[in-house]
Amino acid sequence: MVDPGRLNARLLLEAPVNAPDGQGGVSEGWTGVAALWGRIEPLRAGPDEQGGAAVAVISHRVTLRHREDVRHRMRFVHRGRSLVIRAVRDPDESRRYLVCDCEETMP
């Protein structure tokens, strides 16, 4: 059971969008979907490599009230940090809350 008072982080839910880049291709960007309240719990951190550079990947669990429009590959933005959604689940199938497994990559 989730205590609604613990949903104390103000999050911006964003979806990926492709926009024409003027040269026949597309550039990837993000568009805001909704501002909502959630709870962020850091789970683990570990080293990784992206493009030959060492980075730290931090896993988080984000809990929020149930919404139909939350999908994997979307992201939450909180205080300048981006948490990319890797999986979404309804923990007890009651349609009251969603739990999102997210990753944050830091240089």
PDB file of N, CA and C in Angstrom:
ATOM      1  N   MET A   1       0.840  -1.184   0.000  1.00  0.00           N
ATOM      2  CA  MET A   1       0.000   0.000   0.000  1.00  0.00           C
ATOM      3  C   MET A   1       0.883   1.244   0.000  1.00  0.00           C
ATOM      4  N   VAL A   2       0.622   2.141  -0.888  1.00  0.00           N
ATOM      5  CA  VAL A   2       1.404   3.370  -1.024  1.00  0.00           C
ATOM      6  C   VAL A   2       0.717   4.483  -0.252  1.00  0.00           C
ATOM      7  N   ASP A   3       1.478   5.198   0.546  1.00  0.00           N
ATOM      8  CA  ASP A   3       0.968   6.362   1.260  1.00  0.00           C
ATOM      9  C   ASP A   3       0.998   7.546   0.296  1.00  0.00           C
ATOM     10  N   PRO A   4      -0.163   8.106  -0.076  1.00  0.00           N
ATOM     11  CA  PRO A   4      -0.179   9.217  -1.039  1.00  0.00           C
ATOM     12  C   PRO A   4       0.641  10.414  -0.589  1.00  0.00           C
ATOM     13  N   GLY A   5       0.837  10.602   0.708  1.00  0.00           N
ATOM     14  CA  GLY A   5       1.635  11.706   1.210  1.00  0.00           C
ATOM     15  C   GLY A   5       3.116  11.576   0.878  1.00  0.00           C
ATOM     16  N   ARG A   6       3.544  10.375   0.485  1.00  0.00           N
ATOM     17  CA  ARG A   6       4.950  10.171   0.131  1.00  0.00           C
ATOM     18  C   ARG A   6       5.234  10.474  -1.339  1.00  0.00           C
ATOM     19  N   LEU A   7       4.201  10.813  -2.098  1.00  0.00           N
ATOM     20  CA  LEU A   7       4.399  11.236  -3.490  1.00  0.00           C
ATOM     21  C   LEU A   7       4.747  12.722  -3.467  1.00  0.00           C
ATOM     22  N   ASN A   8       5.989  13.027  -3.101  1.00  0.00           N
ATOM     23  CA  ASN A   8       6.379  14.402  -2.813  1.00  0.00           C
ATOM     24  C   ASN A   8       7.359  15.019  -3.803  1.00  0.00           C
ATOM     25  N   ALA A   9       7.618  14.343  -4.926  1.00  0.00           N
ATOM     26  CA  ALA A   9       8.515  14.888  -5.951  1.00  0.00           C
ATOM     27  C   ALA A   9       7.676  15.379  -7.133  1.00  0.00           C
ATOM     28  N   ARG A  10       7.871  16.632  -7.521  1.00  0.00           N
ATOM     29  CA  ARG A  10       7.142  17.174  -8.664  1.00  0.00           C
ATOM     30  C   ARG A  10       7.892  16.762  -9.935  1.00  0.00           C
ATOM     31  N   LEU A  11       7.228  16.014 -10.798  1.00  0.00           N
ATOM     32  CA  LEU A  11       7.850  15.443 -11.986  1.00  0.00           C
ATOM     33  C   LEU A  11       7.199  15.988 -13.244  1.00  0.00           C
ATOM     34  N   LEU A  12       7.982  16.108 -14.297  1.00  0.00           N
ATOM     35  CA  LEU A  12       7.455  16.422 -15.614  1.00  0.00           C
ATOM     36  C   LEU A  12       7.593  15.162 -16.452  1.00  0.00           C
ATOM     37  N   LEU A  13       6.484  14.642 -16.947  1.00  0.00           N
ATOM     38  CA  LEU A  13       6.491  13.484 -17.828  1.00  0.00           C
ATOM     39  C   LEU A  13       6.688  13.979 -19.252  1.00  0.00           C
ATOM     40  N   GLU A  14       7.691  13.436 -19.949  1.00  0.00           N
ATOM     41  CA  GLU A  14       7.987  13.838 -21.316  1.00  0.00           C
ATOM     42  C   GLU A  14       7.971  12.630 -22.244  1.00  0.00           C
ATOM     43  N   ALA A  15       7.570  12.856 -23.500  1.00  0.00           N
ATOM     44  CA  ALA A  15       7.543  11.820 -24.525  1.00  0.00           C
ATOM     45  C   ALA A  15       8.534  12.178 -25.622  1.00  0.00           C
ATOM     46  N   PRO A  16       9.168  11.171 -26.226  1.00  0.00           N
ATOM     47  CA  PRO A  16      10.089  11.458 -27.326  1.00  0.00           C
ATOM     48  C   PRO A  16       9.330  11.882 -28.577  1.00  0.00           C
ATOM     49  N   VAL A  17       9.901  12.833 -29.303  1.00  0.00           N
ATOM     50  CA  VAL A  17       9.309  13.287 -30.573  1.00  0.00           C
ATOM     51  C   VAL A  17      10.425  13.404 -31.613  1.00  0.00           C
ATOM     52  N   ASN A  18      10.061  13.194 -32.854  1.00  0.00           N
ATOM     53  CA  ASN A  18      10.991  13.385 -33.973  1.00  0.00           C
ATOM     54  C   ASN A  18      10.537  14.599 -34.756  1.00  0.00           C
ATOM     55  N   ALA A  19      11.463  15.515 -35.010  1.00  0.00           N
ATOM     56  CA  ALA A  19      11.161  16.724 -35.769  1.00  0.00           C
ATOM     57  C   ALA A  19      12.077  16.766 -36.992  1.00  0.00           C
ATOM     58  N   PRO A  20      11.570  17.252 -38.122  1.00  0.00           N
ATOM     59  CA  PRO A  20      12.424  17.359 -39.316  1.00  0.00           C
ATOM     60  C   PRO A  20      13.617  18.268 -39.030  1.00  0.00           C
ATOM     61  N   ASP A  21      14.799  17.845 -39.495  1.00  0.00           N
ATOM     62  CA  ASP A  21      15.992  18.660 -39.247  1.00  0.00           C
ATOM     63  C   ASP A  21      16.328  19.594 -40.401  1.00  0.00           C
ATOM     64  N   GLY A  22      15.478  19.623 -41.454  1.00  0.00           N
ATOM     65  CA  GLY A  22      15.696  20.518 -42.579  1.00  0.00           C
ATOM     66  C   GLY A  22      16.638  19.964 -43.629  1.00  0.00           C
ATOM     67  N   GLN A  23      17.198  18.785 -43.391  1.00  0.00           N
ATOM     68  CA  GLN A  23      18.118  18.178 -44.353  1.00  0.00           C
ATOM     69  C   GLN A  23      17.642  16.785 -44.757  1.00  0.00           C
ATOM     70  N   GLY A  24      16.358  16.516 -44.588  1.00  0.00           N
ATOM     71  CA  GLY A  24      15.797  15.231 -44.965  1.00  0.00           C
ATOM     72  C   GLY A  24      15.800  14.192 -43.864  1.00  0.00           C
ATOM     73  N   GLY A  25      16.348  14.518 -42.735  1.00  0.00           N
ATOM     74  CA  GLY A  25      16.388  13.594 -41.603  1.00  0.00           C
ATOM     75  C   GLY A  25      15.505  14.095 -40.476  1.00  0.00           C
ATOM     76  N   VAL A  26      15.686  13.519 -39.325  1.00  0.00           N
ATOM     77  CA  VAL A  26      14.926  13.950 -38.159  1.00  0.00           C
ATOM     78  C   VAL A  26      15.886  14.170 -36.994  1.00  0.00           C
ATOM     79  N   SER A  27      15.489  15.037 -36.100  1.00  0.00           N
ATOM     80  CA  SER A  27      16.231  15.215 -34.853  1.00  0.00           C
ATOM     81  C   SER A  27      15.306  14.805 -33.719  1.00  0.00           C
ATOM     82  N   GLU A  28      15.876  14.110 -32.769  1.00  0.00           N
ATOM     83  CA  GLU A  28      15.086  13.633 -31.648  1.00  0.00           C
ATOM     84  C   GLU A  28      14.997  14.715 -30.579  1.00  0.00           C
ATOM     85  N   GLY A  29      13.836  14.823 -30.001  1.00  0.00           N
ATOM     86  CA  GLY A  29      13.616  15.786 -28.936  1.00  0.00           C
ATOM     87  C   GLY A  29      12.585  15.254 -27.962  1.00  0.00           C
ATOM     88  N   TRP A  30      12.150  16.099 -27.068  1.00  0.00           N
ATOM     89  CA  TRP A  30      11.182  15.718 -26.035  1.00  0.00           C
ATOM     90  C   TRP A  30      10.087  16.770 -25.959  1.00  0.00           C
ATOM     91  N   THR A  31       8.887  16.308 -25.667  1.00  0.00           N
ATOM     92  CA  THR A  31       7.770  17.219 -25.461  1.00  0.00           C
ATOM     93  C   THR A  31       7.089  16.876 -24.139  1.00  0.00           C
ATOM     94  N   GLY A  32       6.677  17.902 -23.409  1.00  0.00           N
ATOM     95  CA  GLY A  32       6.018  17.693 -22.126  1.00  0.00           C
ATOM     96  C   GLY A  32       4.632  17.097 -22.301  1.00  0.00           C
ATOM     97  N   VAL A  33       4.300  16.123 -21.461  1.00  0.00           N
ATOM     98  CA  VAL A  33       2.991  15.469 -21.488  1.00  0.00           C
ATOM     99  C   VAL A  33       2.159  15.903 -20.292  1.00  0.00           C
ATOM    100  N   ALA A  34       2.761  15.880 -19.099  1.00  0.00           N
ATOM    101  CA  ALA A  34       2.014  16.214 -17.888  1.00  0.00           C
ATOM    102  C   ALA A  34       2.969  16.518 -16.739  1.00  0.00           C
ATOM    103  N   ALA A  35       2.528  17.370 -15.846  1.00  0.00           N
ATOM    104  CA  ALA A  35       3.222  17.592 -14.577  1.00  0.00           C
ATOM    105  C   ALA A  35       2.469  16.780 -13.535  1.00  0.00           C
ATOM    106  N   LEU A  36       3.199  16.016 -12.737  1.00  0.00           N
ATOM    107  CA  LEU A  36       2.544  15.140 -11.760  1.00  0.00           C
ATOM    108  C   LEU A  36       3.416  14.957 -10.531  1.00  0.00           C
ATOM    109  N   TRP A  37       2.831  14.357  -9.516  1.00  0.00           N
ATOM    110  CA  TRP A  37       3.534  14.075  -8.269  1.00  0.00           C
ATOM    111  C   TRP A  37       3.915  12.602  -8.235  1.00  0.00           C
ATOM    112  N   GLY A  38       5.104  12.319  -7.720  1.00  0.00           N
ATOM    113  CA  GLY A  38       5.565  10.942  -7.616  1.00  0.00           C
ATOM    114  C   GLY A  38       6.569  10.795  -6.491  1.00  0.00           C
ATOM    115  N   ARG A  39       7.010   9.581  -6.306  1.00  0.00           N
ATOM    116  CA  ARG A  39       8.029   9.262  -5.306  1.00  0.00           C
ATOM    117  C   ARG A  39       9.209   8.629  -6.029  1.00  0.00           C
ATOM    118  N   ILE A  40      10.407   9.157  -5.794  1.00  0.00           N
ATOM    119  CA  ILE A  40      11.620   8.642  -6.418  1.00  0.00           C
ATOM    120  C   ILE A  40      12.438   7.908  -5.359  1.00  0.00           C
ATOM    121  N   GLU A  41      12.781   6.656  -5.666  1.00  0.00           N
ATOM    122  CA  GLU A  41      13.625   5.865  -4.777  1.00  0.00           C
ATOM    123  C   GLU A  41      14.849   5.389  -5.547  1.00  0.00           C
ATOM    124  N   PRO A  42      16.057   5.849  -5.187  1.00  0.00           N
ATOM    125  CA  PRO A  42      17.263   5.325  -5.832  1.00  0.00           C
ATOM    126  C   PRO A  42      17.452   3.863  -5.431  1.00  0.00           C
ATOM    127  N   LEU A  43      17.825   3.019  -6.404  1.00  0.00           N
ATOM    128  CA  LEU A  43      17.995   1.600  -6.115  1.00  0.00           C
ATOM    129  C   LEU A  43      19.460   1.167  -6.146  1.00  0.00           C
ATOM    130  N   ARG A  44      20.143   1.444  -7.254  1.00  0.00           N
ATOM    131  CA  ARG A  44      21.539   1.021  -7.375  1.00  0.00           C
ATOM    132  C   ARG A  44      22.252   1.892  -8.417  1.00  0.00           C
ATOM    133  N   ALA A  45      23.563   1.861  -8.353  1.00  0.00           N
ATOM    134  CA  ALA A  45      24.380   2.601  -9.310  1.00  0.00           C
ATOM    135  C   ALA A  45      25.524   1.710  -9.744  1.00  0.00           C
ATOM    136  N   GLY A  46      25.944   1.880 -10.975  1.00  0.00           N
ATOM    137  CA  GLY A  46      27.056   1.080 -11.479  1.00  0.00           C
ATOM    138  C   GLY A  46      27.706   1.748 -12.662  1.00  0.00           C
ATOM    139  N   PRO A  47      28.941   1.374 -12.937  1.00  0.00           N
ATOM    140  CA  PRO A  47      29.650   1.963 -14.077  1.00  0.00           C
ATOM    141  C   PRO A  47      29.183   1.348 -15.386  1.00  0.00           C
ATOM    142  N   ASP A  48      29.315   2.114 -16.459  1.00  0.00           N
ATOM    143  CA  ASP A  48      28.980   1.656 -17.807  1.00  0.00           C
ATOM    144  C   ASP A  48      29.821   2.465 -18.784  1.00  0.00           C
ATOM    145  N   GLU A  49      29.701   2.147 -20.044  1.00  0.00           N
ATOM    146  CA  GLU A  49      30.438   2.874 -21.070  1.00  0.00           C
ATOM    147  C   GLU A  49      29.497   3.185 -22.220  1.00  0.00           C
ATOM    148  N   GLN A  50      29.503   4.437 -22.649  1.00  0.00           N
ATOM    149  CA  GLN A  50      28.674   4.856 -23.782  1.00  0.00           C
ATOM    150  C   GLN A  50      29.529   5.696 -24.710  1.00  0.00           C
ATOM    151  N   GLY A  51      29.680   5.251 -25.930  1.00  0.00           N
ATOM    152  CA  GLY A  51      30.478   5.987 -26.909  1.00  0.00           C
ATOM    153  C   GLY A  51      31.935   6.116 -26.503  1.00  0.00           C
ATOM    154  N   GLY A  52      32.444   5.127 -25.805  1.00  0.00           N
ATOM    155  CA  GLY A  52      33.838   5.152 -25.382  1.00  0.00           C
ATOM    156  C   GLY A  52      34.102   5.952 -24.128  1.00  0.00           C
ATOM    157  N   ALA A  53      33.061   6.557 -23.550  1.00  0.00           N
ATOM    158  CA  ALA A  53      33.235   7.354 -22.332  1.00  0.00           C
ATOM    159  C   ALA A  53      32.642   6.616 -21.135  1.00  0.00           C
ATOM    160  N   ALA A  54      33.296   6.708 -20.013  1.00  0.00           N
ATOM    161  CA  ALA A  54      32.797   6.087 -18.788  1.00  0.00           C
ATOM    162  C   ALA A  54      31.654   6.919 -18.217  1.00  0.00           C
ATOM    163  N   VAL A  55      30.560   6.258 -17.880  1.00  0.00           N
ATOM    164  CA  VAL A  55      29.402   6.925 -17.286  1.00  0.00           C
ATOM    165  C   VAL A  55      28.913   6.090 -16.107  1.00  0.00           C
ATOM    166  N   ALA A  56      28.114   6.704 -15.268  1.00  0.00           N
ATOM    167  CA  ALA A  56      27.472   6.002 -14.158  1.00  0.00           C
ATOM    168  C   ALA A  56      25.986   5.875 -14.480  1.00  0.00           C
ATOM    169  N   VAL A  57      25.450   4.680 -14.365  1.00  0.00           N
ATOM    170  CA  VAL A  57      24.029   4.439 -14.586  1.00  0.00           C
ATOM    171  C   VAL A  57      23.390   4.210 -13.219  1.00  0.00           C
ATOM    172  N   ILE A  58      22.391   5.024 -12.920  1.00  0.00           N
ATOM    173  CA  ILE A  58      21.714   4.954 -11.626  1.00  0.00           C
ATOM    174  C   ILE A  58      20.283   4.502 -11.864  1.00  0.00           C
ATOM    175  N   SER A  59      19.869   3.444 -11.183  1.00  0.00           N
ATOM    176  CA  SER A  59      18.507   2.922 -11.311  1.00  0.00           C
ATOM    177  C   SER A  59      17.625   3.511 -10.230  1.00  0.00           C
ATOM    178  N   HIS A  60      16.394   3.837 -10.604  1.00  0.00           N
ATOM    179  CA  HIS A  60      15.422   4.414  -9.677  1.00  0.00           C
ATOM    180  C   HIS A  60      14.088   3.689  -9.815  1.00  0.00           C
ATOM    181  N   ARG A  61      13.312   3.722  -8.762  1.00  0.00           N
ATOM    182  CA  ARG A  61      11.913   3.299  -8.812  1.00  0.00           C
ATOM    183  C   ARG A  61      11.077   4.550  -8.592  1.00  0.00           C
ATOM    184  N   VAL A  62      10.171   4.825  -9.532  1.00  0.00           N
ATOM    185  CA  VAL A  62       9.295   5.992  -9.430  1.00  0.00           C
ATOM    186  C   VAL A  62       7.863   5.484  -9.280  1.00  0.00           C
ATOM    187  N   THR A  63       7.203   5.921  -8.224  1.00  0.00           N
ATOM    188  CA  THR A  63       5.811   5.538  -7.964  1.00  0.00           C
ATOM    189  C   THR A  63       4.936   6.760  -8.167  1.00  0.00           C
ATOM    190  N   LEU A  64       3.814   6.590  -8.870  1.00  0.00           N
ATOM    191  CA  LEU A  64       2.890   7.689  -9.119  1.00  0.00           C
ATOM    192  C   LEU A  64       1.475   7.141  -9.215  1.00  0.00           C
ATOM    193  N   ARG A  65       0.509   8.048  -9.192  1.00  0.00           N
ATOM    194  CA  ARG A  65      -0.880   7.630  -9.369  1.00  0.00           C
ATOM    195  C   ARG A  65      -1.072   7.087 -10.777  1.00  0.00           C
ATOM    196  N   HIS A  66      -1.975   6.145 -10.913  1.00  0.00           N
ATOM    197  CA  HIS A  66      -2.195   5.463 -12.191  1.00  0.00           C
ATOM    198  C   HIS A  66      -2.572   6.445 -13.290  1.00  0.00           C
ATOM    199  N   ARG A  67      -1.958   6.249 -14.456  1.00  0.00           N
ATOM    200  CA  ARG A  67      -2.259   7.011 -15.670  1.00  0.00           C
ATOM    201  C   ARG A  67      -2.202   6.037 -16.834  1.00  0.00           C
ATOM    202  N   GLU A  68      -3.026   6.264 -17.825  1.00  0.00           N
ATOM    203  CA  GLU A  68      -3.039   5.386 -18.997  1.00  0.00           C
ATOM    204  C   GLU A  68      -1.951   5.735 -20.009  1.00  0.00           C
ATOM    205  N   ASP A  69      -1.400   6.948 -19.944  1.00  0.00           N
ATOM    206  CA  ASP A  69      -0.487   7.409 -20.990  1.00  0.00           C
ATOM    207  C   ASP A  69       0.996   7.242 -20.666  1.00  0.00           C
ATOM    208  N   VAL A  70       1.352   6.545 -19.615  1.00  0.00           N
ATOM    209  CA  VAL A  70       2.762   6.354 -19.267  1.00  0.00           C
ATOM    210  C   VAL A  70       3.274   5.095 -19.962  1.00  0.00           C
ATOM    211  N   ARG A  71       4.366   5.244 -20.720  1.00  0.00           N
ATOM    212  CA  ARG A  71       4.936   4.143 -21.501  1.00  0.00           C
ATOM    213  C   ARG A  71       6.450   4.086 -21.298  1.00  0.00           C
ATOM    214  N   HIS A  72       7.034   2.910 -21.591  1.00  0.00           N
ATOM    215  CA  HIS A  72       8.487   2.832 -21.537  1.00  0.00           C
ATOM    216  C   HIS A  72       9.065   3.729 -22.638  1.00  0.00           C
ATOM    217  N   ARG A  73      10.287   4.153 -22.477  1.00  0.00           N
ATOM    218  CA  ARG A  73      11.005   5.093 -23.347  1.00  0.00           C
ATOM    219  C   ARG A  73      10.576   6.543 -23.146  1.00  0.00           C
ATOM    220  N   MET A  74       9.527   6.810 -22.368  1.00  0.00           N
ATOM    221  CA  MET A  74       9.235   8.178 -21.964  1.00  0.00           C
ATOM    222  C   MET A  74      10.224   8.508 -20.849  1.00  0.00           C
ATOM    223  N   ARG A  75      10.150   9.710 -20.298  1.00  0.00           N
ATOM    224  CA  ARG A  75      11.046  10.039 -19.197  1.00  0.00           C
ATOM    225  C   ARG A  75      10.378  11.006 -18.240  1.00  0.00           C
ATOM    226  N   PHE A  76      10.902  11.001 -17.019  1.00  0.00           N
ATOM    227  CA  PHE A  76      10.527  11.976 -16.005  1.00  0.00           C
ATOM    228  C   PHE A  76      11.685  12.948 -15.867  1.00  0.00           C
ATOM    229  N   VAL A  77      11.375  14.226 -15.704  1.00  0.00           N
ATOM    230  CA  VAL A  77      12.401  15.221 -15.420  1.00  0.00           C
ATOM    231  C   VAL A  77      12.112  15.762 -14.021  1.00  0.00           C
ATOM    232  N   HIS A  78      13.149  15.733 -13.187  1.00  0.00           N
ATOM    233  CA  HIS A  78      13.020  16.216 -11.812  1.00  0.00           C
ATOM    234  C   HIS A  78      14.278  16.983 -11.451  1.00  0.00           C
ATOM    235  N   ARG A  79      14.131  18.283 -11.210  1.00  0.00           N
ATOM    236  CA  ARG A  79      15.248  19.150 -10.816  1.00  0.00           C
ATOM    237  C   ARG A  79      16.431  19.032 -11.776  1.00  0.00           C
ATOM    238  N   GLY A  80      16.147  19.032 -13.070  1.00  0.00           N
ATOM    239  CA  GLY A  80      17.194  18.975 -14.072  1.00  0.00           C
ATOM    240  C   GLY A  80      17.726  17.583 -14.375  1.00  0.00           C
ATOM    241  N   ARG A  81      17.260  16.576 -13.677  1.00  0.00           N
ATOM    242  CA  ARG A  81      17.690  15.196 -13.905  1.00  0.00           C
ATOM    243  C   ARG A  81      16.661  14.497 -14.789  1.00  0.00           C
ATOM    244  N   SER A  82      17.122  13.628 -15.688  1.00  0.00           N
ATOM    245  CA  SER A  82      16.240  12.886 -16.581  1.00  0.00           C
ATOM    246  C   SER A  82      16.248  11.409 -16.196  1.00  0.00           C
ATOM    247  N   LEU A  83      15.068  10.878 -15.923  1.00  0.00           N
ATOM    248  CA  LEU A  83      14.914   9.472 -15.564  1.00  0.00           C
ATOM    249  C   LEU A  83      14.139   8.788 -16.680  1.00  0.00           C
ATOM    250  N   VAL A  84      14.824   8.001 -17.500  1.00  0.00           N
ATOM    251  CA  VAL A  84      14.207   7.327 -18.641  1.00  0.00           C
ATOM    252  C   VAL A  84      13.481   6.079 -18.144  1.00  0.00           C
ATOM    253  N   ILE A  85      12.225   5.922 -18.556  1.00  0.00           N
ATOM    254  CA  ILE A  85      11.398   4.798 -18.108  1.00  0.00           C
ATOM    255  C   ILE A  85      11.771   3.554 -18.903  1.00  0.00           C
ATOM    256  N   ARG A  86      12.146   2.489 -18.204  1.00  0.00           N
ATOM    257  CA  ARG A  86      12.499   1.214 -18.831  1.00  0.00           C
ATOM    258  C   ARG A  86      11.361   0.200 -18.738  1.00  0.00           C
ATOM    259  N   ALA A  87      10.531   0.285 -17.682  1.00  0.00           N
ATOM    260  CA  ALA A  87       9.403  -0.640 -17.513  1.00  0.00           C
ATOM    261  C   ALA A  87       8.347   0.035 -16.656  1.00  0.00           C
ATOM    262  N   VAL A  88       7.079  -0.294 -16.931  1.00  0.00           N
ATOM    263  CA  VAL A  88       5.941   0.263 -16.195  1.00  0.00           C
ATOM    264  C   VAL A  88       5.070  -0.904 -15.747  1.00  0.00           C
ATOM    265  N   ARG A  89       4.642  -0.867 -14.483  1.00  0.00           N
ATOM    266  CA  ARG A  89       3.763  -1.926 -13.992  1.00  0.00           C
ATOM    267  C   ARG A  89       2.789  -1.398 -12.961  1.00  0.00           C
ATOM    268  N   ASP A  90       1.647  -2.066 -12.863  1.00  0.00           N
ATOM    269  CA  ASP A  90       0.644  -1.801 -11.839  1.00  0.00           C
ATOM    270  C   ASP A  90       0.890  -2.851 -10.757  1.00  0.00           C
ATOM    271  N   PRO A  91       1.426  -2.471  -9.601  1.00  0.00           N
ATOM    272  CA  PRO A  91       1.905  -3.470  -8.640  1.00  0.00           C
ATOM    273  C   PRO A  91       0.847  -4.445  -8.125  1.00  0.00           C
ATOM    274  N   ASP A  92      -0.388  -4.011  -7.989  1.00  0.00           N
ATOM    275  CA  ASP A  92      -1.418  -4.928  -7.486  1.00  0.00           C
ATOM    276  C   ASP A  92      -2.627  -5.019  -8.417  1.00  0.00           C
ATOM    277  N   GLU A  93      -2.468  -4.531  -9.662  1.00  0.00           N
ATOM    278  CA  GLU A  93      -3.529  -4.588 -10.679  1.00  0.00           C
ATOM    279  C   GLU A  93      -4.818  -3.893 -10.237  1.00  0.00           C
ATOM    280  N   SER A  94      -4.694  -2.886  -9.383  1.00  0.00           N
ATOM    281  CA  SER A  94      -5.874  -2.168  -8.887  1.00  0.00           C
ATOM    282  C   SER A  94      -6.115  -0.857  -9.628  1.00  0.00           C
ATOM    283  N   ARG A  95      -5.195  -0.465 -10.525  1.00  0.00           N
ATOM    284  CA  ARG A  95      -5.285   0.784 -11.271  1.00  0.00           C
ATOM    285  C   ARG A  95      -5.268   2.017 -10.357  1.00  0.00           C
ATOM    286  N   ARG A  96      -4.610   1.876  -9.191  1.00  0.00           N
ATOM    287  CA  ARG A  96      -4.456   3.025  -8.295  1.00  0.00           C
ATOM    288  C   ARG A  96      -3.095   3.679  -8.457  1.00  0.00           C
ATOM    289  N   TYR A  97      -2.051   2.871  -8.619  1.00  0.00           N
ATOM    290  CA  TYR A  97      -0.684   3.379  -8.708  1.00  0.00           C
ATOM    291  C   TYR A  97       0.059   2.685  -9.840  1.00  0.00           C
ATOM    292  N   LEU A  98       1.117   3.343 -10.311  1.00  0.00           N
ATOM    293  CA  LEU A  98       2.054   2.753 -11.251  1.00  0.00           C
ATOM    294  C   LEU A  98       3.439   2.792 -10.624  1.00  0.00           C
ATOM    295  N   VAL A  99       4.231   1.776 -10.903  1.00  0.00           N
ATOM    296  CA  VAL A  99       5.625   1.741 -10.501  1.00  0.00           C
ATOM    297  C   VAL A  99       6.444   1.679 -11.782  1.00  0.00           C
ATOM    298  N   CYS A 100       7.357   2.636 -11.938  1.00  0.00           N
ATOM    299  CA  CYS A 100       8.194   2.716 -13.132  1.00  0.00           C
ATOM    300  C   CYS A 100       9.645   2.444 -12.745  1.00  0.00           C
ATOM    301  N   ASP A 101      10.275   1.528 -13.464  1.00  0.00           N
ATOM    302  CA  ASP A 101      11.698   1.293 -13.310  1.00  0.00           C
ATOM    303  C   ASP A 101      12.404   2.236 -14.271  1.00  0.00           C
ATOM    304  N   CYS A 102      13.272   3.085 -13.738  1.00  0.00           N
ATOM    305  CA  CYS A 102      13.894   4.144 -14.529  1.00  0.00           C
ATOM    306  C   CYS A 102      15.416   4.082 -14.415  1.00  0.00           C
ATOM    307  N   GLU A 103      16.074   4.696 -15.399  1.00  0.00           N
ATOM    308  CA  GLU A 103      17.534   4.814 -15.384  1.00  0.00           C
ATOM    309  C   GLU A 103      17.928   6.271 -15.636  1.00  0.00           C
ATOM    310  N   GLU A 104      18.936   6.680 -14.900  1.00  0.00           N
ATOM    311  CA  GLU A 104      19.528   8.004 -15.084  1.00  0.00           C
ATOM    312  C   GLU A 104      21.000   7.782 -15.423  1.00  0.00           C
ATOM    313  N   THR A 105      21.482   8.422 -16.471  1.00  0.00           N
ATOM    314  CA  THR A 105      22.881   8.292 -16.876  1.00  0.00           C
ATOM    315  C   THR A 105      23.596   9.592 -16.582  1.00  0.00           C
ATOM    316  N   MET A 106      24.726   9.456 -15.896  1.00  0.00           N
ATOM    317  CA  MET A 106      25.518  10.641 -15.530  1.00  0.00           C
ATOM    318  C   MET A 106      26.948  10.481 -16.042  1.00  0.00           C
ATOM    319  N   PRO A 107      27.526  11.557 -16.569  1.00  0.00           N
ATOM    320  CA  PRO A 107      28.918  11.475 -17.047  1.00  0.00           C
ATOM    321  C   PRO A 107      29.900  11.327 -15.890  1.00  0.00           C
TER     322      PRO A 107
END
